[in-house]
Protein backbone atom coordinates (compact mmCIF):
# COMPACT_ATOMS: atom_id res chain seq x y z
CA UNK A 1 10.75 -18.13 -17.36
CA UNK A 2 12.34 -14.70 -17.62
CA UNK A 3 12.36 -11.57 -15.46
CA UNK A 4 9.09 -10.30 -16.94
CA UNK A 5 7.33 -13.59 -16.12
CA UNK A 6 8.67 -13.42 -12.56
CA UNK A 7 7.49 -9.81 -12.21
CA UNK A 8 4.02 -10.75 -13.43
CA UNK A 9 3.89 -13.64 -10.97
CA UNK A 10 5.03 -11.36 -8.14
CA UNK A 11 2.21 -8.92 -8.92
CA UNK A 12 -0.32 -11.75 -9.10
CA UNK A 13 0.88 -13.11 -5.76
CA UNK A 14 0.32 -9.66 -4.26
CA UNK A 15 -3.12 -9.30 -5.88
CA UNK A 16 -4.54 -12.30 -7.75
CA UNK A 17 -7.41 -10.13 -9.01
CA UNK A 18 -5.17 -7.57 -10.72
CA UNK A 19 -6.04 -7.10 -14.37
CA UNK A 20 -3.58 -7.43 -17.21
CA UNK A 21 -3.94 -3.68 -17.76
CA UNK A 22 -3.06 -2.85 -14.13
CA UNK A 23 -0.01 -5.11 -14.18
CA UNK A 24 1.06 -3.82 -17.60
CA UNK A 25 0.99 -0.20 -16.38
CA UNK A 26 3.18 -1.07 -13.40
CA UNK A 27 5.67 -2.98 -15.56
CA UNK A 28 5.67 -0.60 -18.54
CA UNK A 29 4.55 -3.16 -21.13
CA UNK A 30 1.45 -3.64 -23.26
CA UNK A 31 -1.60 -5.28 -21.65
CA UNK A 32 -1.61 -7.85 -24.46
CA UNK A 33 1.93 -8.84 -23.47
CA UNK A 34 0.85 -9.48 -19.88
CA UNK A 35 -2.26 -11.35 -21.04
CA UNK A 36 -0.23 -13.58 -23.36
CA UNK A 37 2.42 -14.22 -20.68
CA UNK A 38 -0.24 -15.19 -18.11
CA UNK A 39 -1.81 -17.60 -20.61
CA UNK A 40 1.59 -19.13 -21.31
CA UNK A 41 2.31 -19.47 -17.58
CA UNK A 42 -1.06 -21.24 -17.13
CA UNK A 43 -0.38 -23.60 -20.04
CA UNK A 44 3.08 -24.47 -18.68
CA UNK A 45 1.70 -25.21 -15.21
CA UNK A 46 3.53 -22.33 -13.52
CA UNK A 47 0.07 -20.95 -12.65
CA UNK A 48 -2.38 -23.61 -11.53
CA UNK A 49 -5.15 -21.44 -10.14
CA UNK A 50 -6.05 -17.99 -8.88
CA UNK A 51 -7.30 -17.78 -5.33
CA UNK A 52 -8.07 -15.37 -2.53
CA UNK A 53 -6.95 -15.89 1.05
CA UNK A 54 -9.34 -14.51 3.65
């Protein structure tokens, strides 16, 4: 896990419904990069689920 993965996770922790495009704009990378990183984080078990806390 590198700094980009950690930044993506931080954004998802802040807003689990954020799209890859929204996160990509904030981080200055391509949406496909964020999408691929999220998929890799799910496959590795770093992301188990997305949830909302009410």
